[in-house]
Amino acid sequence: MAKPGSNRRPSPATRIAQALRYIDEDTGAIIPPIQLTATYARDADYKNRKPYYYKRDGGPTTEQAEAVIADLEDAADSLLFSSGMSAASAVIEQLAAGAHVVIPRVMYHGVLMQFRRYEAKGRLRLSTYDAGNLDQMAAAVLRGDTALVWAETPNNPDWAVTDIAAAAKIAHDAGALLLTDCTATPPCATKALALGADISFHSATKYLNGHSDITAGVLSTNATNAMWEDFFEIRKLQGTVLQAFDAWLLLRGMRTLFLRYDRSTKSAVTLAHHLEGHPGIVSVLYPGLPSHPGHEVAKRQTGGQYGGMLSILVKGSEQTAIDVARFCEVFFPATSLGGVESLIEHRKTVSGEGFPVDPRLLRLSIGIEDVADLIADLEQALDRAK
């Protein structure tokens, strides 16, 4: 006689590693298939066999990836888009004409540019605050008039930290919604919805996928209301659903999220401590350093999993910083973050004029290489750029 099974629910790390214990009912395969069809035949009664009937609605591969993310976020539902920007654009598109939105003064430059475009066309009204400054956030919110507060934490590229629970109270007291962009601290570290956010946003291109081979964006929520249905409709009409093959790659990447993120965090902490006080560096911007003004909040929100993103201000000129990036031999001089390979980027060059970033700032994405190699690489690059 078989023994009764355990009632213990596996941990999030186990659930994501097994893609929610996927097993194909027909074959027993433990890897989800790639369903590439663009259209779906109706049944004999001309009924849809599933909730979708055309590729823009989604499909089983994309739905499986969404289910994994929703489970990881402790969310009621998640929606995947073809890029982080398309997910952000869906949020902006959903807002009523003339809506008031509060955003960080410095944030991911692509989303900031999108907000500014809508503002220039009279589509939105914007107010800004310095990331992490709750007093400024509260002053920018208009009671009964603000529709959305956008918080990016930690903030790209200076890695300022916003207290999500406190930001949620500010937004909700004014009748607004809070969206958090936690791309740099995925839900294996920070569960924004549990802290009070209404919408959790991630560029899934980054840590969720972790292999620099797709673009994807995701929204998650606990309130599957009319607004959420509108997000689905916008995605369908704009044709920005994440395609099946990319969803399969995302599923593959997410299975190692906990391992990758833990390795990146440990290496970033080691590197940040090594660089702090370095004669060739003015400052190291990393929430994992006790000297960082947002360290305690970051520690509480991430459980000490600060992530692999940090920035350094190089001593010298803008050209000195560019030279450091050029002279690296292990770090790739490339844009993006959260992959298994380490990247170095001169942010001013990439974001362009008009974006408020120190021209000496280099953004580092720490991968899973031997941290001793990363330290040696930066040391030789800093020495050559003197």
Protein backbone atom coordinates (compact mmCIF):
# COMPACT_ATOMS: atom_id res chain seq x y z
CA MET A 1 0.00 0.00 0.00
CA ALA A 2 1.40 3.38 -1.02
CA LYS A 3 2.25 5.81 1.72
CA PRO A 4 0.29 9.06 1.72
CA GLY A 5 2.11 11.99 0.14
CA SER A 6 3.52 14.94 2.01
CA ASN A 7 1.37 18.02 2.44
CA ARG A 8 4.44 20.25 2.43
CA ARG A 9 4.49 22.78 -0.40
CA PRO A 10 7.89 23.07 -2.09
CA SER A 11 9.75 26.37 -1.78
CA PRO A 12 9.66 29.01 -4.56
CA ALA A 13 13.19 27.99 -5.58
CA THR A 14 12.05 24.42 -6.13
CA ARG A 15 8.81 25.38 -7.86
CA ILE A 16 10.54 27.66 -10.36
CA ALA A 17 13.35 25.15 -11.00
CA GLN A 18 10.68 22.63 -12.04
CA ALA A 19 8.54 25.17 -13.95
CA LEU A 20 5.71 24.42 -11.48
CA ARG A 21 6.46 20.71 -11.82
CA TYR A 22 5.47 20.60 -15.47
CA ILE A 23 4.76 17.12 -16.84
CA ASP A 24 3.22 16.64 -20.28
CA GLU A 25 0.11 14.50 -19.86
CA ASP A 26 0.60 12.63 -23.13
CA THR A 27 4.35 11.97 -23.19
CA GLY A 28 5.60 12.56 -19.66
CA ALA A 29 8.06 15.21 -20.92
CA ILE A 30 9.25 17.50 -18.12
CA ILE A 31 10.17 20.40 -20.44
CA PRO A 32 7.24 22.50 -21.75
CA PRO A 33 6.89 22.36 -25.55
CA ILE A 34 7.15 25.34 -27.89
CA GLN A 35 3.72 25.94 -29.43
CA LEU A 36 4.50 28.05 -32.52
CA THR A 37 1.12 28.19 -34.25
CA ALA A 38 -0.27 31.58 -35.25
CA THR A 39 -3.91 30.49 -35.20
CA TYR A 40 -6.13 27.88 -33.53
CA ALA A 41 -8.91 25.80 -35.09
CA ARG A 42 -12.30 25.90 -33.38
CA ASP A 43 -14.01 22.69 -32.31
CA ALA A 44 -16.91 20.89 -34.03
CA ASP A 45 -19.40 23.30 -32.42
CA TYR A 46 -17.33 26.30 -33.59
CA LYS A 47 -16.27 27.06 -30.03
CA ASN A 48 -12.80 28.19 -28.99
CA ARG A 49 -10.91 25.28 -27.51
CA LYS A 50 -8.98 27.62 -25.16
CA PRO A 51 -9.27 31.29 -24.10
CA TYR A 52 -7.19 32.27 -27.16
CA TYR A 53 -7.83 31.77 -30.82
CA TYR A 54 -5.04 33.83 -32.44
CA LYS A 55 -1.38 34.41 -31.59
CA ARG A 56 -1.91 37.95 -30.31
CA ASP A 57 -4.03 36.51 -27.47
CA GLY A 58 -1.15 34.37 -26.25
CA GLY A 59 -0.66 30.64 -26.23
CA PRO A 60 0.24 27.69 -24.01
CA THR A 61 4.01 28.36 -23.90
CA THR A 62 3.55 32.00 -22.97
CA GLU A 63 0.85 31.09 -20.45
CA GLN A 64 3.19 28.59 -18.77
CA ALA A 65 5.84 31.29 -18.37
CA GLU A 66 3.20 33.68 -16.99
CA ALA A 67 2.07 31.05 -14.49
CA VAL A 68 5.63 30.59 -13.23
CA ILE A 69 6.09 34.34 -12.76
CA ALA A 70 2.71 34.76 -11.06
CA ASP A 71 3.64 31.97 -8.65
CA LEU A 72 7.00 33.59 -7.97
CA GLU A 73 5.38 37.01 -7.41
CA ASP A 74 2.55 35.60 -5.26
CA ALA A 75 0.31 37.33 -7.81
CA ALA A 76 -3.17 36.61 -9.03
CA ASP A 77 -2.00 36.98 -12.63
CA SER A 78 0.94 38.01 -14.80
CA LEU A 79 1.03 39.24 -18.40
CA LEU A 80 4.09 38.89 -20.62
CA PHE A 81 4.98 41.42 -23.32
CA SER A 82 7.54 41.40 -26.12
CA SER A 83 9.81 43.83 -24.24
CA GLY A 84 10.01 45.78 -21.03
CA MET A 85 9.22 48.92 -23.00
CA SER A 86 6.05 47.42 -24.48
CA ALA A 87 4.88 46.48 -20.97
CA ALA A 88 5.61 50.00 -19.72
CA SER A 89 3.88 51.50 -22.74
CA ALA A 90 0.76 49.44 -22.01
CA VAL A 91 0.62 50.98 -18.53
CA ILE A 92 0.95 54.47 -19.96
CA GLU A 93 -1.59 53.77 -22.71
CA GLN A 94 -4.13 52.60 -20.14
CA LEU A 95 -4.07 55.92 -18.28
CA ALA A 96 -6.88 58.37 -19.00
CA ALA A 97 -6.09 61.47 -21.06
CA GLY A 98 -4.62 64.19 -18.85
CA ALA A 99 -3.89 61.80 -15.98
CA HIS A 100 -1.39 62.96 -13.37
CA VAL A 101 1.56 60.62 -12.84
CA VAL A 102 4.40 60.89 -10.35
CA ILE A 103 7.75 59.44 -11.49
CA PRO A 104 11.39 59.51 -10.35
CA ARG A 105 13.48 62.35 -11.76
CA VAL A 106 16.11 59.78 -12.68
CA MET A 107 14.93 56.35 -13.80
CA TYR A 108 15.45 53.89 -16.64
CA HIS A 109 15.95 56.30 -19.54
CA GLY A 110 13.70 54.45 -22.04
CA VAL A 111 10.63 54.65 -19.81
CA LEU A 112 11.49 58.23 -18.85
CA MET A 113 11.64 59.17 -22.55
CA GLN A 114 8.25 57.54 -23.13
CA PHE A 115 6.70 59.49 -20.26
CA ARG A 116 8.22 62.71 -21.56
CA ARG A 117 6.88 62.06 -25.07
CA TYR A 118 3.34 61.66 -23.72
CA GLU A 119 3.76 64.78 -21.60
CA ALA A 120 4.97 66.82 -24.60
CA LYS A 121 1.83 65.80 -26.51
CA GLY A 122 -0.43 66.88 -23.65
CA ARG A 123 -1.42 63.30 -23.00
CA LEU A 124 -0.18 63.19 -19.39
CA ARG A 125 0.78 65.53 -16.54
CA LEU A 126 4.00 64.61 -14.78
CA SER A 127 5.54 65.45 -11.43
CA THR A 128 8.92 64.13 -10.32
CA TYR A 129 10.76 63.25 -7.13
CA ASP A 130 14.26 62.14 -6.29
CA ALA A 131 14.25 58.34 -6.06
CA GLY A 132 14.18 57.20 -2.46
CA ASN A 133 12.99 60.56 -1.15
CA LEU A 134 9.56 59.84 0.32
CA ASP A 135 8.98 63.46 1.37
CA GLN A 136 9.39 64.60 -2.22
CA MET A 137 7.15 61.78 -3.42
CA ALA A 138 4.43 62.80 -0.96
CA ALA A 139 4.73 66.44 -2.01
CA ALA A 140 4.41 65.50 -5.69
CA VAL A 141 1.25 63.42 -5.22
CA LEU A 142 -2.02 65.31 -5.69
CA ARG A 143 -4.72 63.96 -3.41
CA GLY A 144 -7.70 62.73 -5.42
CA ASP A 145 -6.03 63.64 -8.72
CA THR A 146 -2.91 61.49 -9.12
CA ALA A 147 -3.60 58.28 -11.01
CA LEU A 148 -0.26 56.51 -10.70
CA VAL A 149 2.96 56.66 -8.72
CA TRP A 150 5.89 54.96 -10.44
CA ALA A 151 8.75 53.76 -8.24
CA GLU A 152 11.90 52.12 -9.51
CA THR A 153 13.85 50.38 -6.75
CA PRO A 154 16.73 50.16 -6.78
CA ASN A 155 16.87 53.07 -9.17
CA ASN A 156 18.78 52.78 -12.45
CA PRO A 157 21.64 53.85 -12.67
CA ASP A 158 22.35 55.35 -9.23
CA TRP A 159 20.71 52.46 -7.31
CA ALA A 160 18.81 54.66 -4.87
CA VAL A 161 16.37 52.60 -2.79
CA THR A 162 12.66 53.35 -2.27
CA ASP A 163 10.72 51.91 0.66
CA ILE A 164 7.91 50.14 -1.20
CA ALA A 165 5.57 49.83 1.79
CA ALA A 166 5.93 53.52 2.61
CA ALA A 167 5.48 54.50 -1.05
CA ALA A 168 2.32 52.37 -1.23
CA LYS A 169 0.85 54.23 1.75
CA ILE A 170 1.63 57.59 0.15
CA ALA A 171 0.00 56.54 -3.12
CA HIS A 172 -3.04 54.86 -1.57
CA ASP A 173 -3.72 57.70 0.86
CA ALA A 174 -4.01 59.97 -2.18
CA GLY A 175 -6.21 57.54 -4.11
CA ALA A 176 -3.45 56.59 -6.54
CA LEU A 177 -1.98 53.26 -7.60
CA LEU A 178 1.63 52.29 -7.02
CA LEU A 179 3.67 50.55 -9.71
CA THR A 180 7.11 49.29 -8.80
CA ASP A 181 9.86 48.52 -11.28
CA CYS A 182 11.94 45.92 -9.45
CA THR A 183 13.87 44.74 -12.51
CA ALA A 184 17.17 44.80 -10.58
CA THR A 185 15.67 42.88 -7.64
CA PRO A 186 13.42 40.17 -9.12
CA PRO A 187 10.83 38.37 -6.98
CA CYS A 188 13.35 35.85 -5.68
CA ALA A 189 14.57 38.86 -3.67
CA THR A 190 11.71 41.39 -3.52
CA LYS A 191 7.99 40.64 -3.64
CA ALA A 192 6.61 44.09 -4.36
CA LEU A 193 2.94 43.10 -4.30
CA ALA A 194 3.27 41.73 -0.77
CA LEU A 195 4.80 45.07 0.26
CA GLY A 196 1.78 46.99 -1.03
CA ALA A 197 2.42 47.68 -4.72
CA ASP A 198 -0.60 47.41 -7.01
CA ILE A 199 1.41 46.49 -10.11
CA SER A 200 4.81 44.83 -10.25
CA PHE A 201 6.83 45.52 -13.39
CA HIS A 202 9.96 43.77 -14.62
CA SER A 203 12.03 43.89 -17.74
CA ALA A 204 12.14 40.12 -18.02
CA THR A 205 14.98 40.57 -20.51
CA LYS A 206 17.20 40.97 -17.47
CA TYR A 207 17.40 38.72 -14.38
CA LEU A 208 14.28 36.66 -15.06
CA ASN A 209 15.68 35.39 -18.36
CA GLY A 210 19.32 35.89 -17.43
CA HIS A 211 20.94 34.83 -20.70
CA SER A 212 20.87 37.99 -22.86
CA ASP A 213 19.05 36.25 -25.70
CA ILE A 214 15.50 37.67 -25.60
CA THR A 215 13.62 40.85 -24.79
CA ALA A 216 10.52 40.56 -22.60
CA GLY A 217 8.48 42.55 -20.10
CA VAL A 218 5.98 41.45 -17.47
CA LEU A 219 3.26 43.01 -15.36
CA SER A 220 1.84 41.25 -12.29
CA THR A 221 -1.06 42.10 -10.01
CA ASN A 222 -3.37 40.79 -7.32
CA ALA A 223 -6.34 42.78 -8.66
CA THR A 224 -7.62 41.21 -11.89
CA ASN A 225 -10.06 44.07 -12.44
CA ALA A 226 -11.14 46.21 -15.40
CA MET A 227 -7.72 47.86 -15.56
CA TRP A 228 -6.07 44.46 -15.80
CA GLU A 229 -8.43 43.42 -18.58
CA ASP A 230 -7.50 46.64 -20.36
CA PHE A 231 -3.81 45.71 -20.19
CA PHE A 232 -4.66 42.42 -21.91
CA GLU A 233 -6.69 44.25 -24.56
CA ILE A 234 -3.90 46.76 -25.21
CA ARG A 235 -1.39 43.93 -25.59
CA LYS A 236 -3.70 42.17 -28.03
CA LEU A 237 -4.42 45.25 -30.14
CA GLN A 238 -0.77 46.34 -30.26
CA GLY A 239 0.46 42.82 -31.00
CA THR A 240 3.03 42.90 -28.21
CA VAL A 241 2.46 39.49 -26.60
CA LEU A 242 5.67 37.57 -25.91
CA GLN A 243 6.13 35.04 -28.70
CA ALA A 244 6.28 31.31 -27.99
CA PHE A 245 9.97 30.69 -28.63
CA ASP A 246 10.99 33.66 -26.48
CA ALA A 247 8.60 32.46 -23.77
CA TRP A 248 10.28 29.04 -23.90
CA LEU A 249 13.71 30.65 -23.54
CA LEU A 250 12.37 32.69 -20.63
CA LEU A 251 11.08 29.52 -18.96
CA ARG A 252 14.46 27.88 -19.43
CA GLY A 253 16.24 30.89 -17.97
CA MET A 254 13.97 31.27 -14.96
CA ARG A 255 14.70 27.73 -13.79
CA THR A 256 18.15 28.90 -12.65
CA LEU A 257 17.08 32.33 -11.35
CA PHE A 258 17.78 31.64 -7.68
CA LEU A 259 21.23 30.22 -8.41
CA ARG A 260 22.23 32.99 -10.81
CA TYR A 261 20.95 35.79 -8.62
CA ASP A 262 22.65 34.44 -5.51
CA ARG A 263 26.00 34.15 -7.33
CA SER A 264 25.68 37.65 -8.83
CA THR A 265 24.83 39.16 -5.45
CA LYS A 266 27.75 37.54 -3.67
CA SER A 267 30.19 38.66 -6.37
CA ALA A 268 28.76 42.20 -6.44
CA VAL A 269 29.14 42.52 -2.66
CA THR A 270 32.75 41.36 -2.89
CA LEU A 271 33.49 43.70 -5.78
CA ALA A 272 31.78 46.70 -4.17
CA HIS A 273 33.77 46.28 -0.94
CA HIS A 274 36.97 45.95 -2.94
CA LEU A 275 36.31 49.13 -4.94
CA GLU A 276 35.09 51.27 -2.05
CA GLY A 277 37.91 53.64 -1.19
CA HIS A 278 39.87 52.73 -4.33
CA PRO A 279 42.22 55.60 -5.32
CA GLY A 280 40.86 55.62 -8.88
CA ILE A 281 37.21 55.78 -7.86
CA VAL A 282 35.25 58.69 -6.36
CA SER A 283 32.36 56.55 -5.08
CA VAL A 284 30.70 53.16 -5.35
CA LEU A 285 26.90 53.13 -5.63
CA TYR A 286 25.60 49.82 -4.33
CA PRO A 287 22.79 49.16 -1.80
CA GLY A 288 24.71 46.20 -0.40
CA LEU A 289 27.33 48.51 1.12
CA PRO A 290 26.56 49.62 4.71
CA SER A 291 27.63 53.12 3.65
CA HIS A 292 24.80 53.32 1.08
CA PRO A 293 21.96 55.56 2.36
CA GLY A 294 19.35 52.97 1.37
CA HIS A 295 21.20 49.99 2.79
CA GLU A 296 18.83 49.17 5.65
CA VAL A 297 15.70 49.50 3.50
CA ALA A 298 17.30 47.37 0.79
CA LYS A 299 18.33 44.77 3.35
CA ARG A 300 14.75 44.57 4.64
CA GLN A 301 13.14 44.45 1.18
CA THR A 302 15.53 41.91 -0.33
CA GLY A 303 16.49 39.80 2.67
CA GLY A 304 20.10 40.70 1.96
CA GLN A 305 19.88 39.71 -1.72
CA TYR A 306 20.98 43.10 -3.06
CA GLY A 307 21.57 41.94 -6.60
CA GLY A 308 24.39 42.28 -9.08
CA MET A 309 23.97 45.90 -10.16
CA LEU A 310 26.31 48.67 -9.06
CA SER A 311 27.75 51.86 -10.48
CA ILE A 312 31.08 53.56 -9.94
CA LEU A 313 32.10 57.19 -10.39
CA VAL A 314 35.58 57.17 -11.87
CA LYS A 315 38.12 59.74 -10.73
CA GLY A 316 39.04 61.96 -13.65
CA SER A 317 37.04 63.03 -16.70
CA GLU A 318 34.27 61.57 -18.82
CA GLN A 319 36.94 60.25 -21.19
CA THR A 320 38.65 58.52 -18.27
CA ALA A 321 35.42 56.64 -17.55
CA ILE A 322 34.99 55.71 -21.22
CA ASP A 323 38.60 54.49 -21.30
CA VAL A 324 38.00 52.22 -18.29
CA ALA A 325 35.10 50.62 -20.16
CA ARG A 326 37.20 50.32 -23.33
CA PHE A 327 40.14 48.73 -21.55
CA CYS A 328 38.17 45.96 -19.83
CA GLU A 329 38.97 42.50 -21.15
CA VAL A 330 36.58 40.33 -19.11
CA PHE A 331 33.63 42.70 -18.77
CA PHE A 332 31.75 43.14 -22.05
CA PRO A 333 31.29 46.82 -23.04
CA ALA A 334 27.58 46.36 -23.67
CA THR A 335 24.14 47.62 -22.65
CA SER A 336 21.62 45.61 -20.59
CA LEU A 337 21.93 43.82 -17.27
CA GLY A 338 21.11 40.65 -15.36
CA GLY A 339 22.79 38.14 -17.66
CA VAL A 340 25.29 35.44 -16.79
CA GLU A 341 28.07 37.53 -18.35
CA SER A 342 29.36 40.73 -16.71
CA LEU A 343 28.79 44.01 -18.55
CA ILE A 344 30.23 47.51 -18.20
CA GLU A 345 28.51 50.55 -19.68
CA HIS A 346 29.26 54.26 -19.82
CA ARG A 347 25.74 55.40 -19.04
CA LYS A 348 26.01 58.94 -20.44
CA THR A 349 26.99 57.62 -23.86
CA VAL A 350 24.01 55.26 -23.94
CA SER A 351 21.33 57.52 -22.41
CA GLY A 352 22.41 60.58 -24.40
CA GLU A 353 22.15 64.27 -23.70
CA GLY A 354 19.35 65.47 -21.46
CA PHE A 355 19.49 62.49 -19.14
CA PRO A 356 20.65 63.54 -15.66
CA VAL A 357 23.59 61.22 -15.07
CA ASP A 358 27.16 61.98 -14.02
CA PRO A 359 29.41 61.69 -17.10
CA ARG A 360 31.96 59.76 -15.00
CA LEU A 361 29.45 57.02 -14.10
CA LEU A 362 30.02 53.44 -15.22
CA ARG A 363 27.24 50.92 -14.69
CA LEU A 364 28.32 47.37 -13.92
CA SER A 365 26.18 44.25 -14.25
CA ILE A 366 27.89 41.44 -12.40
CA GLY A 367 27.44 37.98 -13.87
CA ILE A 368 28.46 34.55 -12.66
CA GLU A 369 32.17 34.56 -13.59
CA ASP A 370 34.97 34.14 -11.04
CA VAL A 371 34.88 37.38 -9.05
CA ALA A 372 38.70 37.40 -8.84
CA ASP A 373 38.80 37.75 -12.62
CA LEU A 374 36.34 40.65 -12.51
CA ILE A 375 38.38 42.44 -9.84
CA ALA A 376 41.63 41.95 -11.76
CA ASP A 377 40.00 43.19 -14.96
CA LEU A 378 38.76 46.41 -13.40
CA GLU A 379 42.10 46.97 -11.68
CA GLN A 380 44.03 46.76 -14.94
CA ALA A 381 41.49 48.95 -16.77
CA LEU A 382 41.61 51.62 -14.05
CA ASP A 383 45.39 51.54 -14.08
CA ARG A 384 45.58 51.93 -17.89
CA ALA A 385 43.05 54.78 -17.90
CA LYS A 386 44.99 57.00 -15.46
